[in-house]
PDB file of N, CA and C in Angstrom:
ATOM      1  N   UNK A   1      91.183  79.928 103.923  1.00  0.00           N
ATOM      2  CA  UNK A   1      92.324  80.520 104.592  1.00  0.00           C
ATOM      3  C   UNK A   1      91.885  81.675 105.489  1.00  0.00           C
ATOM      4  N   UNK A   2      90.993  82.520 104.958  1.00  0.00           N
ATOM      5  CA  UNK A   2      90.514  83.660 105.736  1.00  0.00           C
ATOM      6  C   UNK A   2      89.857  83.182 107.025  1.00  0.00           C
ATOM      7  N   UNK A   3      88.990  82.195 106.921  1.00  0.00           N
ATOM      8  CA  UNK A   3      88.268  81.687 108.090  1.00  0.00           C
ATOM      9  C   UNK A   3      89.222  81.123 109.142  1.00  0.00           C
ATOM     10  N   UNK A   4      90.349  80.604 108.702  1.00  0.00           N
ATOM     11  CA  UNK A   4      91.336  80.050 109.625  1.00  0.00           C
ATOM     12  C   UNK A   4      92.312  81.109 110.130  1.00  0.00           C
ATOM     13  N   UNK A   5      92.168  82.358 109.645  1.00  0.00           N
ATOM     14  CA  UNK A   5      93.048  83.431 110.089  1.00  0.00           C
ATOM     15  C   UNK A   5      94.437  83.392 109.490  1.00  0.00           C
ATOM     16  N   UNK A   6      94.573  82.726 108.351  1.00  0.00           N
ATOM     17  CA  UNK A   6      95.878  82.613 107.696  1.00  0.00           C
ATOM     18  C   UNK A   6      96.150  83.880 106.886  1.00  0.00           C
ATOM     19  N   UNK A   7      97.282  84.565 107.125  1.00  0.00           N
ATOM     20  CA  UNK A   7      97.627  85.737 106.316  1.00  0.00           C
ATOM     21  C   UNK A   7      97.893  85.307 104.874  1.00  0.00           C
ATOM     22  N   UNK A   8      97.325  86.038 103.915  1.00  0.00           N
ATOM     23  CA  UNK A   8      97.459  85.672 102.507  1.00  0.00           C
ATOM     24  C   UNK A   8      98.339  86.680 101.778  1.00  0.00           C
ATOM     25  N   UNK A   9      99.500  86.239 101.336  1.00  0.00           N
ATOM     26  CA  UNK A   9     100.386  87.099 100.564  1.00  0.00           C
ATOM     27  C   UNK A   9      99.896  87.144  99.122  1.00  0.00           C
ATOM     28  N   UNK A  10     100.091  88.279  98.478  1.00  0.00           N
ATOM     29  CA  UNK A  10      99.730  88.465  97.070  1.00  0.00           C
ATOM     30  C   UNK A  10     100.979  89.003  96.377  1.00  0.00           C
ATOM     31  N   UNK A  11     101.387  88.346  95.285  1.00  0.00           N
ATOM     32  CA  UNK A  11     102.585  88.799  94.579  1.00  0.00           C
ATOM     33  C   UNK A  11     102.518  88.385  93.120  1.00  0.00           C
ATOM     34  N   UNK A  12     103.521  88.795  92.363  1.00  0.00           N
ATOM     35  CA  UNK A  12     103.568  88.425  90.955  1.00  0.00           C
ATOM     36  C   UNK A  12     104.238  87.075  90.750  1.00  0.00           C
ATOM     37  N   UNK A  13     105.186  86.712  91.598  1.00  0.00           N
ATOM     38  CA  UNK A  13     105.961  85.488  91.420  1.00  0.00           C
ATOM     39  C   UNK A  13     106.521  85.433  90.002  1.00  0.00           C
ATOM     40  N   UNK A  14     106.991  86.575  89.514  1.00  0.00           N
ATOM     41  CA  UNK A  14     107.429  86.671  88.121  1.00  0.00           C
ATOM     42  C   UNK A  14     108.491  85.627  87.793  1.00  0.00           C
ATOM     43  N   UNK A  15     108.137  84.795  86.851  1.00  0.00           N
ATOM     44  CA  UNK A  15     109.096  83.870  86.258  1.00  0.00           C
ATOM     45  C   UNK A  15     108.570  83.516  84.875  1.00  0.00           C
ATOM     46  N   UNK A  16     109.447  83.249  83.929  1.00  0.00           N
ATOM     47  CA  UNK A  16     109.001  83.006  82.554  1.00  0.00           C
ATOM     48  C   UNK A  16     108.315  81.667  82.337  1.00  0.00           C
ATOM     49  N   UNK A  17     108.388  80.768  83.300  1.00  0.00           N
ATOM     50  CA  UNK A  17     107.814  79.440  83.100  1.00  0.00           C
ATOM     51  C   UNK A  17     106.338  79.359  83.410  1.00  0.00           C
ATOM     52  N   UNK A  18     105.958  79.665  84.643  1.00  0.00           N
ATOM     53  CA  UNK A  18     104.566  79.459  85.050  1.00  0.00           C
ATOM     54  C   UNK A  18     103.825  80.734  85.409  1.00  0.00           C
ATOM     55  N   UNK A  19     104.533  81.852  85.545  1.00  0.00           N
ATOM     56  CA  UNK A  19     103.869  83.090  85.944  1.00  0.00           C
ATOM     57  C   UNK A  19     104.549  84.293  85.301  1.00  0.00           C
ATOM     58  N   UNK A  20     104.334  84.494  84.005  1.00  0.00           N
ATOM     59  CA  UNK A  20     104.993  85.598  83.326  1.00  0.00           C
ATOM     60  C   UNK A  20     104.284  86.941  83.542  1.00  0.00           C
ATOM     61  N   UNK A  21     103.818  87.190  84.745  1.00  0.00           N
ATOM     62  CA  UNK A  21     103.097  88.431  85.053  1.00  0.00           C
ATOM     63  C   UNK A  21     104.011  89.397  85.792  1.00  0.00           C
ATOM     64  N   UNK A  22     103.942  90.663  85.418  1.00  0.00           N
ATOM     65  CA  UNK A  22     104.766  91.695  86.042  1.00  0.00           C
ATOM     66  C   UNK A  22     103.959  92.670  86.899  1.00  0.00           C
ATOM     67  N   UNK A  23     102.661  92.729  86.714  1.00  0.00           N
ATOM     68  CA  UNK A  23     101.851  93.773  87.333  1.00  0.00           C
ATOM     69  C   UNK A  23     101.329  93.378  88.712  1.00  0.00           C
ATOM     70  N   UNK A  24     101.816  94.069  89.726  1.00  0.00           N
ATOM     71  CA  UNK A  24     101.326  93.832  91.077  1.00  0.00           C
ATOM     72  C   UNK A  24      99.866  94.262  91.204  1.00  0.00           C
ATOM     73  N   UNK A  25      99.479  95.309  90.470  1.00  0.00           N
ATOM     74  CA  UNK A  25      98.077  95.735  90.496  1.00  0.00           C
ATOM     75  C   UNK A  25      97.169  94.681  89.873  1.00  0.00           C
ATOM     76  N   UNK A  26      97.636  94.000  88.830  1.00  0.00           N
ATOM     77  CA  UNK A  26      96.851  92.910  88.251  1.00  0.00           C
ATOM     78  C   UNK A  26      96.688  91.779  89.266  1.00  0.00           C
ATOM     79  N   UNK A  27      97.740  91.490  90.008  1.00  0.00           N
ATOM     80  CA  UNK A  27      97.644  90.444  91.031  1.00  0.00           C
ATOM     81  C   UNK A  27      96.656  90.854  92.127  1.00  0.00           C
ATOM     82  N   UNK A  28      96.633  92.133  92.484  1.00  0.00           N
ATOM     83  CA  UNK A  28      95.657  92.619  93.470  1.00  0.00           C
ATOM     84  C   UNK A  28      94.248  92.470  92.919  1.00  0.00           C
ATOM     85  N   UNK A  29      94.071  92.784  91.633  1.00  0.00           N
ATOM     86  CA  UNK A  29      92.760  92.618  91.000  1.00  0.00           C
ATOM     87  C   UNK A  29      92.332  91.159  91.030  1.00  0.00           C
ATOM     88  N   UNK A  30      93.242  90.269  90.678  1.00  0.00           N
ATOM     89  CA  UNK A  30      92.909  88.842  90.658  1.00  0.00           C
ATOM     90  C   UNK A  30      92.611  88.327  92.064  1.00  0.00           C
ATOM     91  N   UNK A  31      93.342  88.810  93.051  1.00  0.00           N
ATOM     92  CA  UNK A  31      93.083  88.398  94.433  1.00  0.00           C
ATOM     93  C   UNK A  31      91.668  88.791  94.848  1.00  0.00           C
ATOM     94  N   UNK A  32      91.243  89.980  94.412  1.00  0.00           N
ATOM     95  CA  UNK A  32      89.901  90.461  94.774  1.00  0.00           C
ATOM     96  C   UNK A  32      88.803  89.785  93.957  1.00  0.00           C
ATOM     97  N   UNK A  33      89.013  89.656  92.656  1.00  0.00           N
ATOM     98  CA  UNK A  33      87.941  89.130  91.806  1.00  0.00           C
ATOM     99  C   UNK A  33      87.871  87.607  91.794  1.00  0.00           C
ATOM    100  N   UNK A  34      88.999  86.943  91.794  1.00  0.00           N
ATOM    101  CA  UNK A  34      88.999  85.481  91.728  1.00  0.00           C
ATOM    102  C   UNK A  34      88.936  84.815  93.101  1.00  0.00           C
ATOM    103  N   UNK A  35      89.575  85.445  94.080  1.00  0.00           N
ATOM    104  CA  UNK A  35      89.667  84.817  95.398  1.00  0.00           C
ATOM    105  C   UNK A  35      88.891  85.573  96.467  1.00  0.00           C
ATOM    106  N   UNK A  36      88.159  86.596  96.038  1.00  0.00           N
ATOM    107  CA  UNK A  36      87.244  87.343  96.908  1.00  0.00           C
ATOM    108  C   UNK A  36      87.912  88.035  98.095  1.00  0.00           C
ATOM    109  N   UNK A  37      89.173  88.405  97.955  1.00  0.00           N
ATOM    110  CA  UNK A  37      89.784  89.222  98.987  1.00  0.00           C
ATOM    111  C   UNK A  37      89.183  90.615  98.909  1.00  0.00           C
ATOM    112  N   UNK A  38      89.077  91.283 100.031  1.00  0.00           N
ATOM    113  CA  UNK A  38      88.670  92.682 100.018  1.00  0.00           C
ATOM    114  C   UNK A  38      89.886  93.502  99.601  1.00  0.00           C
ATOM    115  N   UNK A  39      89.674  94.757  99.226  1.00  0.00           N
ATOM    116  CA  UNK A  39      90.811  95.602  98.854  1.00  0.00           C
ATOM    117  C   UNK A  39      91.788  95.748 100.027  1.00  0.00           C
ATOM    118  N   UNK A  40      91.323  95.988 101.256  1.00  0.00           N
ATOM    119  CA  UNK A  40      92.284  96.036 102.366  1.00  0.00           C
ATOM    120  C   UNK A  40      93.055  94.722 102.550  1.00  0.00           C
ATOM    121  N   UNK A  41      92.407  93.587 102.328  1.00  0.00           N
ATOM    122  CA  UNK A  41      93.111  92.304 102.420  1.00  0.00           C
ATOM    123  C   UNK A  41      94.157  92.178 101.312  1.00  0.00           C
ATOM    124  N   UNK A  42      93.814  92.605 100.096  1.00  0.00           N
ATOM    125  CA  UNK A  42      94.768  92.542  98.987  1.00  0.00           C
ATOM    126  C   UNK A  42      95.943  93.481  99.243  1.00  0.00           C
ATOM    127  N   UNK A  43      95.667  94.675  99.770  1.00  0.00           N
ATOM    128  CA  UNK A  43      96.738  95.623 100.076  1.00  0.00           C
ATOM    129  C   UNK A  43      97.663  95.055 101.157  1.00  0.00           C
ATOM    130  N   UNK A  44      97.093  94.455 102.185  1.00  0.00           N
ATOM    131  CA  UNK A  44      97.920  93.791 103.205  1.00  0.00           C
ATOM    132  C   UNK A  44      98.689  92.633 102.577  1.00  0.00           C
ATOM    133  N   UNK A  45      98.081  91.970 101.594  1.00  0.00           N
ATOM    134  CA  UNK A  45      98.725  90.848 100.923  1.00  0.00           C
ATOM    135  C   UNK A  45      99.940  91.243 100.113  1.00  0.00           C
ATOM    136  N   UNK A  46      99.924  92.448  99.511  1.00  0.00           N
ATOM    137  CA  UNK A  46     101.067  92.889  98.708  1.00  0.00           C
ATOM    138  C   UNK A  46     102.095  93.658  99.532  1.00  0.00           C
ATOM    139  N   UNK A  47     101.809  93.877 100.804  1.00  0.00           N
ATOM    140  CA  UNK A  47     102.742  94.610 101.665  1.00  0.00           C
ATOM    141  C   UNK A  47     103.139  93.752 102.865  1.00  0.00           C
ATOM    142  N   UNK A  48     102.360  93.841 103.905  1.00  0.00           N
ATOM    143  CA  UNK A  48     102.665  93.192 105.181  1.00  0.00           C
ATOM    144  C   UNK A  48     102.814  91.676 105.073  1.00  0.00           C
ATOM    145  N   UNK A  49     101.853  91.019 104.434  1.00  0.00           N
ATOM    146  CA  UNK A  49     101.900  89.556 104.361  1.00  0.00           C
ATOM    147  C   UNK A  49     102.956  89.065 103.376  1.00  0.00           C
ATOM    148  N   UNK A  50     103.214  89.837 102.323  1.00  0.00           N
ATOM    149  CA  UNK A  50     104.282  89.468 101.389  1.00  0.00           C
ATOM    150  C   UNK A  50     105.637  89.544 102.088  1.00  0.00           C
ATOM    151  N   UNK A  51     105.842  90.590 102.882  1.00  0.00           N
ATOM    152  CA  UNK A  51     107.100  90.705 103.632  1.00  0.00           C
ATOM    153  C   UNK A  51     107.261  89.523 104.585  1.00  0.00           C
ATOM    154  N   UNK A  52     106.172  89.140 105.222  1.00  0.00           N
ATOM    155  CA  UNK A  52     106.216  87.999 106.151  1.00  0.00           C
ATOM    156  C   UNK A  52     106.560  86.703 105.408  1.00  0.00           C
ATOM    157  N   UNK A  53     105.977  86.522 104.219  1.00  0.00           N
ATOM    158  CA  UNK A  53     106.254  85.314 103.437  1.00  0.00           C
ATOM    159  C   UNK A  53     107.727  85.226 103.050  1.00  0.00           C
ATOM    160  N   UNK A  54     108.373  86.387 102.918  1.00  0.00           N
ATOM    161  CA  UNK A  54     109.794  86.427 102.566  1.00  0.00           C
ATOM    162  C   UNK A  54     110.704  86.450 103.794  1.00  0.00           C
ATOM    163  N   UNK A  55     110.111  86.405 104.980  1.00  0.00           N
ATOM    164  CA  UNK A  55     110.908  86.457 106.202  1.00  0.00           C
ATOM    165  C   UNK A  55     111.420  87.844 106.527  1.00  0.00           C
ATOM    166  N   UNK A  56     110.789  88.882 105.962  1.00  0.00           N
ATOM    167  CA  UNK A  56     111.232  90.263 106.157  1.00  0.00           C
ATOM    168  C   UNK A  56     110.279  91.070 107.035  1.00  0.00           C
ATOM    169  N   UNK A  57     109.419  90.398 107.785  1.00  0.00           N
ATOM    170  CA  UNK A  57     108.381  91.086 108.544  1.00  0.00           C
ATOM    171  C   UNK A  57     108.930  92.034 109.615  1.00  0.00           C
ATOM    172  N   UNK A  58     110.154  91.843 110.067  1.00  0.00           N
ATOM    173  CA  UNK A  58     110.713  92.725 111.090  1.00  0.00           C
ATOM    174  C   UNK A  58     111.275  94.017 110.516  1.00  0.00           C
ATOM    175  N   UNK A  59     111.417  94.077 109.191  1.00  0.00           N
ATOM    176  CA  UNK A  59     112.001  95.277 108.594  1.00  0.00           C
ATOM    177  C   UNK A  59     111.197  95.853 107.436  1.00  0.00           C
ATOM    178  N   UNK A  60     110.280  95.103 106.869  1.00  0.00           N
ATOM    179  CA  UNK A  60     109.543  95.559 105.691  1.00  0.00           C
ATOM    180  C   UNK A  60     108.055  95.254 105.827  1.00  0.00           C
ATOM    181  N   UNK A  61     107.278  95.810 104.916  1.00  0.00           N
ATOM    182  CA  UNK A  61     105.852  95.490 104.854  1.00  0.00           C
ATOM    183  C   UNK A  61     104.942  96.487 105.530  1.00  0.00           C
ATOM    184  N   UNK A  62     105.486  97.352 106.360  1.00  0.00           N
ATOM    185  CA  UNK A  62     104.706  98.377 107.055  1.00  0.00           C
ATOM    186  C   UNK A  62     105.479  99.685 107.049  1.00  0.00           C
ATOM    187  N   UNK A  63     104.764 100.789 107.058  1.00  0.00           N
ATOM    188  CA  UNK A  63     105.408 102.081 107.261  1.00  0.00           C
ATOM    189  C   UNK A  63     105.445 102.324 108.765  1.00  0.00           C
ATOM    190  N   UNK A  64     106.632 102.348 109.331  1.00  0.00           N
ATOM    191  CA  UNK A  64     106.798 102.547 110.765  1.00  0.00           C
ATOM    192  C   UNK A  64     108.198 103.097 111.018  1.00  0.00           C
ATOM    193  N   UNK A  65     108.372 103.711 112.179  1.00  0.00           N
ATOM    194  CA  UNK A  65     109.693 104.242 112.508  1.00  0.00           C
ATOM    195  C   UNK A  65     110.696 103.096 112.589  1.00  0.00           C
ATOM    196  N   UNK A  66     111.929 103.417 112.230  1.00  0.00           N
ATOM    197  CA  UNK A  66     113.036 102.462 112.228  1.00  0.00           C
ATOM    198  C   UNK A  66     112.886 101.375 111.164  1.00  0.00           C
ATOM    199  N   UNK A  67     112.075 101.640 110.164  1.00  0.00           N
ATOM    200  CA  UNK A  67     111.964 100.737 109.012  1.00  0.00           C
ATOM    201  C   UNK A  67     112.241 101.564 107.757  1.00  0.00           C
ATOM    202  N   UNK A  68     112.759 100.923 106.719  1.00  0.00           N
ATOM    203  CA  UNK A  68     112.978 101.687 105.486  1.00  0.00           C
ATOM    204  C   UNK A  68     111.650 102.169 104.915  1.00  0.00           C
ATOM    205  N   UNK A  69     111.620 103.397 104.480  1.00  0.00           N
ATOM    206  CA  UNK A  69     110.395 103.944 103.885  1.00  0.00           C
ATOM    207  C   UNK A  69     110.394 103.594 102.407  1.00  0.00           C
ATOM    208  N   UNK A  70     109.923 102.396 102.085  1.00  0.00           N
ATOM    209  CA  UNK A  70     109.811 101.924 100.709  1.00  0.00           C
ATOM    210  C   UNK A  70     108.332 101.807 100.393  1.00  0.00           C
ATOM    211  N   UNK A  71     107.850 102.629  99.469  1.00  0.00           N
ATOM    212  CA  UNK A  71     106.435 102.572  99.129  1.00  0.00           C
ATOM    213  C   UNK A  71     106.181 103.212  97.775  1.00  0.00           C
ATOM    214  N   UNK A  72     104.974 102.986  97.277  1.00  0.00           N
ATOM    215  CA  UNK A  72     104.543 103.531  95.993  1.00  0.00           C
ATOM    216  C   UNK A  72     103.301 104.370  96.227  1.00  0.00           C
ATOM    217  N   UNK A  73     103.237 105.513  95.565  1.00  0.00           N
ATOM    218  CA  UNK A  73     102.040 106.357  95.589  1.00  0.00           C
ATOM    219  C   UNK A  73     101.394 106.282  94.213  1.00  0.00           C
ATOM    220  N   UNK A  74     100.164 105.794  94.161  1.00  0.00           N
ATOM    221  CA  UNK A  74      99.423 105.746  92.909  1.00  0.00           C
ATOM    222  C   UNK A  74      98.390 106.864  92.895  1.00  0.00           C
ATOM    223  N   UNK A  75      98.033 107.361  91.717  1.00  0.00           N
ATOM    224  CA  UNK A  75      97.102 108.496  91.623  1.00  0.00           C
ATOM    225  C   UNK A  75      95.633 108.078  91.682  1.00  0.00           C
ATOM    226  N   UNK A  76      95.267 107.332  92.695  1.00  0.00           N
ATOM    227  CA  UNK A  76      93.891 106.871  92.827  1.00  0.00           C
ATOM    228  C   UNK A  76      93.165 107.686  93.883  1.00  0.00           C
ATOM    229  N   UNK A  77      91.878 107.876  93.663  1.00  0.00           N
ATOM    230  CA  UNK A  77      91.048 108.598  94.623  1.00  0.00           C
ATOM    231  C   UNK A  77      90.538 107.642  95.695  1.00  0.00           C
ATOM    232  N   UNK A  78      90.084 106.478  95.276  1.00  0.00           N
ATOM    233  CA  UNK A  78      89.534 105.473  96.190  1.00  0.00           C
ATOM    234  C   UNK A  78      90.471 104.269  96.254  1.00  0.00           C
ATOM    235  N   UNK A  79      90.606 103.678  97.419  1.00  0.00           N
ATOM    236  CA  UNK A  79      91.484 102.511  97.548  1.00  0.00           C
ATOM    237  C   UNK A  79      91.028 101.352  96.667  1.00  0.00           C
ATOM    238  N   UNK A  80      89.732 101.275  96.380  1.00  0.00           N
ATOM    239  CA  UNK A  80      89.213 100.192  95.530  1.00  0.00           C
ATOM    240  C   UNK A  80      89.816 100.227  94.130  1.00  0.00           C
ATOM    241  N   UNK A  81      90.303 101.394  93.700  1.00  0.00           N
ATOM    242  CA  UNK A  81      90.907 101.499  92.371  1.00  0.00           C
ATOM    243  C   UNK A  81      92.191 100.675  92.259  1.00  0.00           C
ATOM    244  N   UNK A  82      92.811 100.351  93.380  1.00  0.00           N
ATOM    245  CA  UNK A  82      94.004  99.500  93.340  1.00  0.00           C
ATOM    246  C   UNK A  82      93.719  98.184  92.643  1.00  0.00           C
ATOM    247  N   UNK A  83      92.508  97.684  92.818  1.00  0.00           N
ATOM    248  CA  UNK A  83      92.151  96.377  92.262  1.00  0.00           C
ATOM    249  C   UNK A  83      91.134  96.473  91.136  1.00  0.00           C
ATOM    250  N   UNK A  84      90.817  97.669  90.680  1.00  0.00           N
ATOM    251  CA  UNK A  84      89.754  97.827  89.698  1.00  0.00           C
ATOM    252  C   UNK A  84      90.264  97.826  88.258  1.00  0.00           C
ATOM    253  N   UNK A  85      91.212  98.675  87.957  1.00  0.00           N
ATOM    254  CA  UNK A  85      91.656  98.864  86.576  1.00  0.00           C
ATOM    255  C   UNK A  85      92.511  97.701  86.096  1.00  0.00           C
ATOM    256  N   UNK A  86      92.217  97.210  84.891  1.00  0.00           N
ATOM    257  CA  UNK A  86      92.994  96.124  84.293  1.00  0.00           C
ATOM    258  C   UNK A  86      93.926  96.671  83.221  1.00  0.00           C
ATOM    259  N   UNK A  87      95.155  96.203  83.215  1.00  0.00           N
ATOM    260  CA  UNK A  87      96.092  96.559  82.165  1.00  0.00           C
ATOM    261  C   UNK A  87      96.595  97.982  82.214  1.00  0.00           C
ATOM    262  N   UNK A  88      96.227  98.713  83.224  1.00  0.00           N
ATOM    263  CA  UNK A  88      96.665 100.100  83.330  1.00  0.00           C
ATOM    264  C   UNK A  88      98.016 100.148  84.031  1.00  0.00           C
ATOM    265  N   UNK A  89      98.879 101.024  83.553  1.00  0.00           N
ATOM    266  CA  UNK A  89     100.155 101.265  84.217  1.00  0.00           C
ATOM    267  C   UNK A  89     100.129 102.715  84.689  1.00  0.00           C
ATOM    268  N   UNK A  90      99.478 102.952  85.826  1.00  0.00           N
ATOM    269  CA  UNK A  90      99.334 104.338  86.269  1.00  0.00           C
ATOM    270  C   UNK A  90     100.675 104.966  86.617  1.00  0.00           C
ATOM    271  N   UNK A  91     100.791 106.244  86.306  1.00  0.00           N
ATOM    272  CA  UNK A  91     101.979 106.983  86.691  1.00  0.00           C
ATOM    273  C   UNK A  91     102.018 106.982  88.214  1.00  0.00           C
ATOM    274  N   UNK A  92     103.154 106.700  88.757  1.00  0.00           N
ATOM    275  CA  UNK A  92     103.232 106.633  90.215  1.00  0.00           C
ATOM    276  C   UNK A  92     104.524 107.270  90.701  1.00  0.00           C
ATOM    277  N   UNK A  93     104.571 107.441  91.988  1.00  0.00           N
ATOM    278  CA  UNK A  93     105.780 107.912  92.647  1.00  0.00           C
ATOM    279  C   UNK A  93     106.343 106.739  93.436  1.00  0.00           C
ATOM    280  N   UNK A  94     107.626 106.510  93.285  1.00  0.00           N
ATOM    281  CA  UNK A  94     108.280 105.424  94.013  1.00  0.00           C
ATOM    282  C   UNK A  94     109.248 106.028  95.024  1.00  0.00           C
ATOM    283  N   UNK A  95     109.124 105.587  96.263  1.00  0.00           N
ATOM    284  CA  UNK A  95     109.996 106.046  97.342  1.00  0.00           C
ATOM    285  C   UNK A  95     110.765 104.837  97.867  1.00  0.00           C
ATOM    286  N   UNK A  96     112.088 104.956  97.882  1.00  0.00           N
ATOM    287  CA  UNK A  96     112.953 103.896  98.418  1.00  0.00           C
ATOM    288  C   UNK A  96     113.859 104.508  99.475  1.00  0.00           C
ATOM    289  N   UNK A  97     113.912 103.853 100.607  1.00  0.00           N
ATOM    290  CA  UNK A  97     114.740 104.343 101.713  1.00  0.00           C
ATOM    291  C   UNK A  97     114.426 105.811 102.042  1.00  0.00           C
ATOM    292  N   UNK A  98     113.158 106.179 101.885  1.00  0.00           N
ATOM    293  CA  UNK A  98     112.726 107.533 102.220  1.00  0.00           C
ATOM    294  C   UNK A  98     113.020 108.585 101.172  1.00  0.00           C
ATOM    295  N   UNK A  99     113.543 108.194 100.024  1.00  0.00           N
ATOM    296  CA  UNK A  99     113.875 109.148  98.960  1.00  0.00           C
ATOM    297  C   UNK A  99     113.065 108.850  97.709  1.00  0.00           C
ATOM    298  N   UNK A 100     112.556 109.904  97.091  1.00  0.00           N
ATOM    299  CA  UNK A 100     111.801 109.752  95.850  1.00  0.00           C
ATOM    300  C   UNK A 100     112.780 109.360  94.754  1.00  0.00           C
ATOM    301  N   UNK A 101     112.559 108.197  94.137  1.00  0.00           N
ATOM    302  CA  UNK A 101     113.435 107.734  93.064  1.00  0.00           C
ATOM    303  C   UNK A 101     112.743 107.779  91.706  1.00  0.00           C
ATOM    304  N   UNK A 102     111.427 107.947  91.705  1.00  0.00           N
ATOM    305  CA  UNK A 102     110.675 108.113  90.459  1.00  0.00           C
ATOM    306  C   UNK A 102     109.454 108.958  90.761  1.00  0.00           C
ATOM    307  N   UNK A 103     109.160 109.899  89.876  1.00  0.00           N
ATOM    308  CA  UNK A 103     107.992 110.744  90.063  1.00  0.00           C
ATOM    309  C   UNK A 103     108.271 111.869  91.041  1.00  0.00           C
ATOM    310  N   UNK A 104     107.204 112.421  91.583  1.00  0.00           N
ATOM    311  CA  UNK A 104     107.337 113.526  92.529  1.00  0.00           C
ATOM    312  C   UNK A 104     106.210 113.450  93.542  1.00  0.00           C
ATOM    313  N   UNK A 105     106.384 114.174  94.626  1.00  0.00           N
ATOM    314  CA  UNK A 105     105.379 114.208  95.678  1.00  0.00           C
ATOM    315  C   UNK A 105     104.829 115.618  95.756  1.00  0.00           C
ATOM    316  N   UNK A 106     103.521 115.718  95.663  1.00  0.00           N
ATOM    317  CA  UNK A 106     102.856 117.011  95.806  1.00  0.00           C
ATOM    318  C   UNK A 106     102.226 117.034  97.186  1.00  0.00           C
ATOM    319  N   UNK A 107     102.548 118.035  97.965  1.00  0.00           N
ATOM    320  CA  UNK A 107     101.939 118.137  99.285  1.00  0.00           C
ATOM    321  C   UNK A 107     100.719 119.029  99.203  1.00  0.00           C
ATOM    322  N   UNK A 108      99.738 118.743 100.024  1.00  0.00           N
ATOM    323  CA  UNK A 108      98.494 119.493 100.046  1.00  0.00           C
ATOM    324  C   UNK A 108      98.359 120.190 101.390  1.00  0.00           C
ATOM    325  N   UNK A 109      97.820 121.414 101.395  1.00  0.00           N
ATOM    326  CA  UNK A 109      97.601 122.100 102.665  1.00  0.00           C
ATOM    327  C   UNK A 109      96.647 121.302 103.543  1.00  0.00           C
ATOM    328  N   UNK A 110      96.782 121.419 104.862  1.00  0.00           N
ATOM    329  CA  UNK A 110      95.868 120.710 105.763  1.00  0.00           C
ATOM    330  C   UNK A 110      94.416 121.020 105.435  1.00  0.00           C
ATOM    331  N   UNK A 111      93.588 119.992 105.459  1.00  0.00           N
ATOM    332  CA  UNK A 111      92.166 120.178 105.178  1.00  0.00           C
ATOM    333  C   UNK A 111      91.823 120.170 103.709  1.00  0.00           C
ATOM    334  N   UNK A 112      92.823 120.030 102.851  1.00  0.00           N
ATOM    335  CA  UNK A 112      92.582 120.019 101.409  1.00  0.00           C
ATOM    336  C   UNK A 112      93.252 118.793 100.797  1.00  0.00           C
ATOM    337  N   UNK A 113      92.664 117.610 100.994  1.00  0.00           N
ATOM    338  CA  UNK A 113      93.313 116.384 100.522  1.00  0.00           C
ATOM    339  C   UNK A 113      93.507 116.300  99.020  1.00  0.00           C
ATOM    340  N   UNK A 114      92.731 117.057  98.258  1.00  0.00           N
ATOM    341  CA  UNK A 114      92.889 116.986  96.803  1.00  0.00           C
ATOM    342  C   UNK A 114      93.769 118.106  96.266  1.00  0.00           C
ATOM    343  N   UNK A 115      94.310 118.927  97.159  1.00  0.00           N
ATOM    344  CA  UNK A 115      95.176 120.008  96.729  1.00  0.00           C
ATOM    345  C   UNK A 115      94.448 121.197  96.159  1.00  0.00           C
ATOM    346  N   UNK A 116      93.094 121.182  96.162  1.00  0.00           N
ATOM    347  CA  UNK A 116      92.318 122.293  95.597  1.00  0.00           C
ATOM    348  C   UNK A 116      92.273 123.474  96.535  1.00  0.00           C
TER     349      UNK A 116
END
């Protein structure tokens, strides 16, 4: 698929019959380890390409002006951690329609990405 330039969506497809999985991070891990997607490909798969698969590419899947700000902030230092940890349910911040609905957002002064 990659060689043909086909966008690959990654999702849980949660259903009790054939895919009783709830963890999107586990699906990202499986996409990377079983199907050799890179972390950026898996991240695009759970955002941009998933929105496209659902026919929502004009309104979802990317952070951009005039789109709902729906996203999750995970406490990872490196993007590779998105697909590294198994079975972990990291504390996260969830933002829907631009409003924090779970967790909190800590802002860092310019030049200090870790808040130190």
